[in-house]
Amino acid sequence: MNTKPLTVVPPDQCWNRIGVRGDRSCPELETVTHCNNCPVFAAAGRRFLDAPTPPGYLAEWTQRLAVREEVREGDESSVLVFRLGDEWLALPVAVLVEVTRPRPLHRIPHRGGLLAGMANIRGELHLCVRLDLILGVTAPADGDPDSRRLVVIRRESEGWVFAADEVDQVHRVLLPDLAAAAPTLARSHGKLTRGVFPHANRSIGLLDDARLFQTLRERLR
């Protein structure tokens, strides 16, 4: 076996042909057991590590790592995507408590309109609001009742429940990439929307949870 240091990578990469990754016919395997212990393989590794980096390699990775650091500092948010009528919307998971199946609502005397009633969830009563009316979303003529859910949200000590026609799942959103809400949105809808992001060939409106809770507080209490 040749024990002199090698300065070039063998052009045939013998470890793939007659070594442990090939047909194992290399006579040196009896001595070294594995190609990793062979000076030919070690020299090839040194040759690879000592090779100069391609032009622009360091600049490219510096830019990529800088972008990831910016994302870690708060530009990315987890949001729950759901549907009201024909509109797909989202709320930050920071205000999400749970998603549950619909249940009977208890009407509140002399209250209606934006307030659908009271919902008993895990023994706790929650005010259930008509989020579709607050946002000016038109409900479809029909829909699949099996896809409907109740969404429980809370911000600080304030909690609400609303009915969604469908709940998708949690997604990650880059906040700097949000597009402006379309001017054709209903006035109340656009006022409460931080921006729009694409997902699954849809435009999802990300609601501003702070403004939403303020609106609920002002109009329902």
C-alpha atoms as a PDB file:
ATOM      1  CA  MET A   1       0.000   0.000   0.000  1.00  0.00           C
ATOM      2  CA  ASN A   2       1.307   3.456  -0.930  1.00  0.00           C
ATOM      3  CA  THR A   3       1.850   5.487   2.263  1.00  0.00           C
ATOM      4  CA  LYS A   4       3.263   8.640   0.626  1.00  0.00           C
ATOM      5  CA  PRO A   5       1.094  11.758   1.001  1.00  0.00           C
ATOM      6  CA  LEU A   6      -1.058  12.368  -2.054  1.00  0.00           C
ATOM      7  CA  THR A   7      -1.740  15.848  -3.364  1.00  0.00           C
ATOM      8  CA  VAL A   8      -4.465  15.075  -5.871  1.00  0.00           C
ATOM      9  CA  VAL A   9      -7.813  13.343  -5.689  1.00  0.00           C
ATOM     10  CA  PRO A  10      -7.676  10.014  -7.547  1.00  0.00           C
ATOM     11  CA  PRO A  11      -9.675  10.583 -10.728  1.00  0.00           C
ATOM     12  CA  ASP A  12     -11.468   7.245 -10.437  1.00  0.00           C
ATOM     13  CA  GLN A  13     -12.470   7.631  -6.769  1.00  0.00           C
ATOM     14  CA  CYS A  14     -11.514   4.047  -6.050  1.00  0.00           C
ATOM     15  CA  TRP A  15     -13.603   3.827  -2.868  1.00  0.00           C
ATOM     16  CA  ASN A  16     -16.748   3.983  -5.026  1.00  0.00           C
ATOM     17  CA  ARG A  17     -15.433   1.412  -7.490  1.00  0.00           C
ATOM     18  CA  ILE A  18     -13.473  -1.235  -5.591  1.00  0.00           C
ATOM     19  CA  GLY A  19     -13.829  -0.040  -1.991  1.00  0.00           C
ATOM     20  CA  VAL A  20     -16.615  -0.348   0.570  1.00  0.00           C
ATOM     21  CA  ARG A  21     -18.984   1.577  -1.706  1.00  0.00           C
ATOM     22  CA  GLY A  22     -18.117  -0.608  -4.664  1.00  0.00           C
ATOM     23  CA  ASP A  23     -17.485  -4.312  -5.113  1.00  0.00           C
ATOM     24  CA  ARG A  24     -14.957  -4.456  -2.183  1.00  0.00           C
ATOM     25  CA  SER A  25     -12.295  -6.031  -4.417  1.00  0.00           C
ATOM     26  CA  CYS A  26      -9.523  -3.663  -3.269  1.00  0.00           C
ATOM     27  CA  PRO A  27      -6.700  -5.777  -1.748  1.00  0.00           C
ATOM     28  CA  GLU A  28      -5.919  -2.992   0.762  1.00  0.00           C
ATOM     29  CA  LEU A  29      -9.215  -3.607   2.593  1.00  0.00           C
ATOM     30  CA  GLU A  30      -7.636  -6.600   4.294  1.00  0.00           C
ATOM     31  CA  THR A  31      -5.211  -4.209   5.985  1.00  0.00           C
ATOM     32  CA  VAL A  32      -7.248  -1.022   6.524  1.00  0.00           C
ATOM     33  CA  THR A  33     -10.689  -2.705   6.933  1.00  0.00           C
ATOM     34  CA  HIS A  34     -12.513   0.416   5.713  1.00  0.00           C
ATOM     35  CA  CYS A  35     -11.764   3.072   3.095  1.00  0.00           C
ATOM     36  CA  ASN A  36     -11.983   5.712   5.811  1.00  0.00           C
ATOM     37  CA  ASN A  37      -8.689   4.341   7.183  1.00  0.00           C
ATOM     38  CA  CYS A  38      -6.889   4.425   3.815  1.00  0.00           C
ATOM     39  CA  PRO A  39      -4.415   7.251   3.063  1.00  0.00           C
ATOM     40  CA  VAL A  40      -5.843   7.498  -0.462  1.00  0.00           C
ATOM     41  CA  PHE A  41      -9.283   8.389   0.928  1.00  0.00           C
ATOM     42  CA  ALA A  42      -7.764  10.722   3.556  1.00  0.00           C
ATOM     43  CA  ALA A  43      -5.759  12.565   0.910  1.00  0.00           C
ATOM     44  CA  ALA A  44      -8.873  13.004  -1.198  1.00  0.00           C
ATOM     45  CA  GLY A  45     -10.650  14.518   1.794  1.00  0.00           C
ATOM     46  CA  ARG A  46      -7.806  16.968   2.424  1.00  0.00           C
ATOM     47  CA  ARG A  47      -7.849  17.924  -1.236  1.00  0.00           C
ATOM     48  CA  PHE A  48     -11.583  18.679  -1.059  1.00  0.00           C
ATOM     49  CA  LEU A  49     -11.332  20.737   2.153  1.00  0.00           C
ATOM     50  CA  ASP A  50      -8.324  22.685   0.925  1.00  0.00           C
ATOM     51  CA  ALA A  51      -9.954  23.614  -2.384  1.00  0.00           C
ATOM     52  CA  PRO A  52     -10.689  27.353  -2.768  1.00  0.00           C
ATOM     53  CA  THR A  53     -14.307  28.457  -2.347  1.00  0.00           C
ATOM     54  CA  PRO A  54     -16.222  29.367  -5.527  1.00  0.00           C
ATOM     55  CA  PRO A  55     -16.543  33.074  -6.385  1.00  0.00           C
ATOM     56  CA  GLY A  56     -19.315  34.738  -4.406  1.00  0.00           C
ATOM     57  CA  TYR A  57     -19.699  31.808  -1.996  1.00  0.00           C
ATOM     58  CA  LEU A  58     -18.896  33.745   1.182  1.00  0.00           C
ATOM     59  CA  ALA A  59     -20.980  36.753   0.151  1.00  0.00           C
ATOM     60  CA  GLU A  60     -23.982  34.545  -0.620  1.00  0.00           C
ATOM     61  CA  TRP A  61     -23.926  32.760   2.732  1.00  0.00           C
ATOM     62  CA  THR A  62     -23.340  36.010   4.604  1.00  0.00           C
ATOM     63  CA  GLN A  63     -26.538  37.362   3.034  1.00  0.00           C
ATOM     64  CA  ARG A  64     -28.517  34.189   3.766  1.00  0.00           C
ATOM     65  CA  LEU A  65     -27.506  34.085   7.421  1.00  0.00           C
ATOM     66  CA  ALA A  66     -28.261  37.760   7.850  1.00  0.00           C
ATOM     67  CA  VAL A  67     -31.818  37.216   6.577  1.00  0.00           C
ATOM     68  CA  ARG A  68     -32.366  34.293   8.967  1.00  0.00           C
ATOM     69  CA  GLU A  69     -31.164  36.398  11.895  1.00  0.00           C
ATOM     70  CA  GLU A  70     -33.680  39.087  10.998  1.00  0.00           C
ATOM     71  CA  VAL A  71     -36.448  36.488  10.914  1.00  0.00           C
ATOM     72  CA  ARG A  72     -35.519  35.232  14.384  1.00  0.00           C
ATOM     73  CA  GLU A  73     -35.922  38.751  15.735  1.00  0.00           C
ATOM     74  CA  GLY A  74     -39.702  38.810  15.233  1.00  0.00           C
ATOM     75  CA  ASP A  75     -40.508  39.183  11.547  1.00  0.00           C
ATOM     76  CA  GLU A  76     -42.085  35.734  11.441  1.00  0.00           C
ATOM     77  CA  SER A  77     -45.413  34.901  13.034  1.00  0.00           C
ATOM     78  CA  SER A  78     -47.543  31.768  13.464  1.00  0.00           C
ATOM     79  CA  VAL A  79     -51.147  32.325  12.411  1.00  0.00           C
ATOM     80  CA  LEU A  80     -54.340  30.269  12.342  1.00  0.00           C
ATOM     81  CA  VAL A  81     -56.073  30.337   8.950  1.00  0.00           C
ATOM     82  CA  PHE A  82     -59.865  30.091   8.826  1.00  0.00           C
ATOM     83  CA  ARG A  83     -62.779  30.915   6.550  1.00  0.00           C
ATOM     84  CA  LEU A  84     -65.757  33.205   7.097  1.00  0.00           C
ATOM     85  CA  GLY A  85     -68.174  32.973   4.207  1.00  0.00           C
ATOM     86  CA  ASP A  86     -66.064  33.365   1.079  1.00  0.00           C
ATOM     87  CA  GLU A  87     -63.218  35.144   2.853  1.00  0.00           C
ATOM     88  CA  TRP A  88     -60.047  33.412   4.111  1.00  0.00           C
ATOM     89  CA  LEU A  89     -58.589  35.138   7.153  1.00  0.00           C
ATOM     90  CA  ALA A  90     -55.962  34.554   9.829  1.00  0.00           C
ATOM     91  CA  LEU A  91     -55.253  35.491  13.431  1.00  0.00           C
ATOM     92  CA  PRO A  92     -51.979  35.216  15.385  1.00  0.00           C
ATOM     93  CA  VAL A  93     -51.837  32.013  17.430  1.00  0.00           C
ATOM     94  CA  ALA A  94     -50.789  34.184  20.387  1.00  0.00           C
ATOM     95  CA  VAL A  95     -54.488  35.007  20.902  1.00  0.00           C
ATOM     96  CA  LEU A  96     -55.759  31.515  20.110  1.00  0.00           C
ATOM     97  CA  VAL A  97     -57.069  29.441  23.036  1.00  0.00           C
ATOM     98  CA  GLU A  98     -58.675  26.513  21.223  1.00  0.00           C
ATOM     99  CA  VAL A  99     -60.739  25.367  18.262  1.00  0.00           C
ATOM    100  CA  THR A 100     -63.745  23.208  19.038  1.00  0.00           C
ATOM    101  CA  ARG A 101     -66.866  21.814  17.428  1.00  0.00           C
ATOM    102  CA  PRO A 102     -70.057  23.891  17.406  1.00  0.00           C
ATOM    103  CA  ARG A 103     -72.429  23.608  20.336  1.00  0.00           C
ATOM    104  CA  PRO A 104     -75.795  25.139  21.229  1.00  0.00           C
ATOM    105  CA  LEU A 105     -75.692  28.866  21.939  1.00  0.00           C
ATOM    106  CA  HIS A 106     -77.741  30.365  24.742  1.00  0.00           C
ATOM    107  CA  ARG A 107     -79.494  33.527  23.650  1.00  0.00           C
ATOM    108  CA  ILE A 108     -79.093  36.613  25.793  1.00  0.00           C
ATOM    109  CA  PRO A 109     -82.366  38.515  26.383  1.00  0.00           C
ATOM    110  CA  HIS A 110     -82.603  41.840  24.584  1.00  0.00           C
ATOM    111  CA  ARG A 111     -79.251  41.249  22.886  1.00  0.00           C
ATOM    112  CA  GLY A 112     -78.739  40.156  19.326  1.00  0.00           C
ATOM    113  CA  GLY A 113     -77.269  41.361  16.103  1.00  0.00           C
ATOM    114  CA  LEU A 114     -73.499  41.192  16.536  1.00  0.00           C
ATOM    115  CA  LEU A 115     -73.831  39.022  19.636  1.00  0.00           C
ATOM    116  CA  ALA A 116     -74.856  35.456  18.795  1.00  0.00           C
ATOM    117  CA  GLY A 117     -75.206  34.320  22.418  1.00  0.00           C
ATOM    118  CA  MET A 118     -73.302  32.494  25.133  1.00  0.00           C
ATOM    119  CA  ALA A 119     -71.294  29.323  24.535  1.00  0.00           C
ATOM    120  CA  ASN A 120     -70.463  26.847  27.285  1.00  0.00           C
ATOM    121  CA  ILE A 121     -66.949  25.542  26.616  1.00  0.00           C
ATOM    122  CA  ARG A 122     -65.407  23.246  29.210  1.00  0.00           C
ATOM    123  CA  GLY A 123     -67.736  24.616  31.852  1.00  0.00           C
ATOM    124  CA  GLU A 124     -66.868  28.250  31.152  1.00  0.00           C
ATOM    125  CA  LEU A 125     -69.297  30.687  29.522  1.00  0.00           C
ATOM    126  CA  HIS A 126     -68.006  32.770  26.612  1.00  0.00           C
ATOM    127  CA  LEU A 127     -69.637  35.543  24.617  1.00  0.00           C
ATOM    128  CA  CYS A 128     -69.999  34.378  21.013  1.00  0.00           C
ATOM    129  CA  VAL A 129     -69.803  37.166  18.439  1.00  0.00           C
ATOM    130  CA  ARG A 130     -70.854  37.376  14.789  1.00  0.00           C
ATOM    131  CA  LEU A 131     -67.415  38.073  13.375  1.00  0.00           C
ATOM    132  CA  ASP A 132     -68.783  37.868   9.836  1.00  0.00           C
ATOM    133  CA  LEU A 133     -71.084  40.829  10.512  1.00  0.00           C
ATOM    134  CA  ILE A 134     -68.358  42.823  12.240  1.00  0.00           C
ATOM    135  CA  LEU A 135     -66.048  42.365   9.254  1.00  0.00           C
ATOM    136  CA  GLY A 136     -68.774  42.836   6.668  1.00  0.00           C
ATOM    137  CA  VAL A 137     -68.289  39.328   5.259  1.00  0.00           C
ATOM    138  CA  THR A 138     -71.191  37.878   3.287  1.00  0.00           C
ATOM    139  CA  ALA A 139     -72.107  34.378   4.410  1.00  0.00           C
ATOM    140  CA  PRO A 140     -72.590  31.769   1.643  1.00  0.00           C
ATOM    141  CA  ALA A 141     -76.066  30.473   0.904  1.00  0.00           C
ATOM    142  CA  ASP A 142     -75.059  27.003   2.033  1.00  0.00           C
ATOM    143  CA  GLY A 143     -72.025  25.212   3.369  1.00  0.00           C
ATOM    144  CA  ASP A 144     -70.819  22.003   4.920  1.00  0.00           C
ATOM    145  CA  PRO A 145     -71.969  21.995   8.559  1.00  0.00           C
ATOM    146  CA  ASP A 146     -69.335  19.385   9.420  1.00  0.00           C
ATOM    147  CA  SER A 147     -66.550  21.865   8.641  1.00  0.00           C
ATOM    148  CA  ARG A 148     -67.812  24.566  10.986  1.00  0.00           C
ATOM    149  CA  ARG A 149     -65.915  25.274  14.195  1.00  0.00           C
ATOM    150  CA  LEU A 150     -65.972  27.567  17.192  1.00  0.00           C
ATOM    151  CA  VAL A 151     -62.745  29.514  17.732  1.00  0.00           C
ATOM    152  CA  VAL A 152     -61.899  30.734  21.228  1.00  0.00           C
ATOM    153  CA  ILE A 153     -59.569  33.725  21.400  1.00  0.00           C
ATOM    154  CA  ARG A 154     -58.143  35.672  24.325  1.00  0.00           C
ATOM    155  CA  ARG A 155     -55.970  38.749  24.683  1.00  0.00           C
ATOM    156  CA  GLU A 156     -54.772  39.538  28.176  1.00  0.00           C
ATOM    157  CA  SER A 157     -57.929  39.019  30.306  1.00  0.00           C
ATOM    158  CA  GLU A 158     -60.441  39.527  27.492  1.00  0.00           C
ATOM    159  CA  GLY A 159     -61.931  36.492  25.762  1.00  0.00           C
ATOM    160  CA  TRP A 160     -64.364  35.918  22.890  1.00  0.00           C
ATOM    161  CA  VAL A 161     -65.724  33.115  20.732  1.00  0.00           C
ATOM    162  CA  PHE A 162     -66.696  33.248  17.072  1.00  0.00           C
ATOM    163  CA  ALA A 163     -67.999  30.709  14.583  1.00  0.00           C
ATOM    164  CA  ALA A 164     -65.854  29.918  11.533  1.00  0.00           C
ATOM    165  CA  ASP A 165     -67.215  28.142   8.456  1.00  0.00           C
ATOM    166  CA  GLU A 166     -63.923  26.262   8.133  1.00  0.00           C
ATOM    167  CA  VAL A 167     -60.582  26.126   9.956  1.00  0.00           C
ATOM    168  CA  ASP A 168     -57.432  25.274   8.032  1.00  0.00           C
ATOM    169  CA  GLN A 169     -54.317  25.030  10.221  1.00  0.00           C
ATOM    170  CA  VAL A 170     -51.426  27.017  11.659  1.00  0.00           C
ATOM    171  CA  HIS A 171     -48.990  28.571   9.161  1.00  0.00           C
ATOM    172  CA  ARG A 172     -45.809  30.615   9.398  1.00  0.00           C
ATOM    173  CA  VAL A 173     -45.947  34.091   7.861  1.00  0.00           C
ATOM    174  CA  LEU A 174     -43.165  36.590   7.168  1.00  0.00           C
ATOM    175  CA  LEU A 175     -44.661  39.879   8.320  1.00  0.00           C
ATOM    176  CA  PRO A 176     -42.460  42.105   6.108  1.00  0.00           C
ATOM    177  CA  ASP A 177     -43.837  40.246   3.064  1.00  0.00           C
ATOM    178  CA  LEU A 178     -47.471  41.145   3.792  1.00  0.00           C
ATOM    179  CA  ALA A 179     -49.156  42.931   0.912  1.00  0.00           C
ATOM    180  CA  ALA A 180     -51.540  45.829   1.431  1.00  0.00           C
ATOM    181  CA  ALA A 181     -55.198  44.920   1.788  1.00  0.00           C
ATOM    182  CA  ALA A 182     -57.232  45.418  -1.373  1.00  0.00           C
ATOM    183  CA  PRO A 183     -59.172  48.716  -1.460  1.00  0.00           C
ATOM    184  CA  THR A 184     -62.277  46.770  -2.480  1.00  0.00           C
ATOM    185  CA  LEU A 185     -62.577  45.223   0.992  1.00  0.00           C
ATOM    186  CA  ALA A 186     -65.412  46.330   3.190  1.00  0.00           C
ATOM    187  CA  ARG A 187     -64.445  49.371   5.245  1.00  0.00           C
ATOM    188  CA  SER A 188     -64.546  47.511   8.578  1.00  0.00           C
ATOM    189  CA  HIS A 189     -62.731  44.520   7.097  1.00  0.00           C
ATOM    190  CA  GLY A 190     -59.901  46.613   5.668  1.00  0.00           C
ATOM    191  CA  LYS A 191     -59.544  48.612   8.872  1.00  0.00           C
ATOM    192  CA  LEU A 192     -58.956  45.466  10.898  1.00  0.00           C
ATOM    193  CA  THR A 193     -56.587  43.784   8.426  1.00  0.00           C
ATOM    194  CA  ARG A 194     -52.804  44.138   8.795  1.00  0.00           C
ATOM    195  CA  GLY A 195     -52.156  42.850   5.293  1.00  0.00           C
ATOM    196  CA  VAL A 196     -52.577  39.948   2.907  1.00  0.00           C
ATOM    197  CA  PHE A 197     -50.381  36.918   2.256  1.00  0.00           C
ATOM    198  CA  PRO A 198     -50.723  34.102  -0.311  1.00  0.00           C
ATOM    199  CA  HIS A 199     -51.345  30.488   0.637  1.00  0.00           C
ATOM    200  CA  ALA A 200     -52.645  27.525  -1.394  1.00  0.00           C
ATOM    201  CA  ASN A 201     -53.682  29.793  -4.302  1.00  0.00           C
ATOM    202  CA  ARG A 202     -55.657  32.000  -1.928  1.00  0.00           C
ATOM    203  CA  SER A 203     -55.218  35.490  -0.537  1.00  0.00           C
ATOM    204  CA  ILE A 204     -55.375  35.368   3.263  1.00  0.00           C
ATOM    205  CA  GLY A 205     -56.169  38.508   5.217  1.00  0.00           C
ATOM    206  CA  LEU A 206     -54.195  38.711   8.469  1.00  0.00           C
ATOM    207  CA  LEU A 207     -56.366  40.422  11.077  1.00  0.00           C
ATOM    208  CA  ASP A 208     -54.878  42.897  13.526  1.00  0.00           C
ATOM    209  CA  ASP A 209     -55.754  41.259  16.850  1.00  0.00           C
ATOM    210  CA  ALA A 210     -55.293  44.467  18.879  1.00  0.00           C
ATOM    211  CA  ARG A 211     -57.731  46.414  16.697  1.00  0.00           C
ATOM    212  CA  LEU A 212     -60.126  43.479  16.539  1.00  0.00           C
ATOM    213  CA  PHE A 213     -60.350  43.177  20.316  1.00  0.00           C
ATOM    214  CA  GLN A 214     -60.792  46.939  20.642  1.00  0.00           C
ATOM    215  CA  THR A 215     -63.628  46.867  18.111  1.00  0.00           C
ATOM    216  CA  LEU A 216     -65.327  43.969  19.885  1.00  0.00           C
ATOM    217  CA  ARG A 217     -65.026  45.772  23.211  1.00  0.00           C
ATOM    218  CA  GLU A 218     -66.436  49.023  21.832  1.00  0.00           C
ATOM    219  CA  ARG A 219     -69.349  47.536  19.894  1.00  0.00           C
ATOM    220  CA  LEU A 220     -70.468  44.759  22.212  1.00  0.00           C
ATOM    221  CA  ARG A 221     -69.927  45.989  25.752  1.00  0.00           C
END
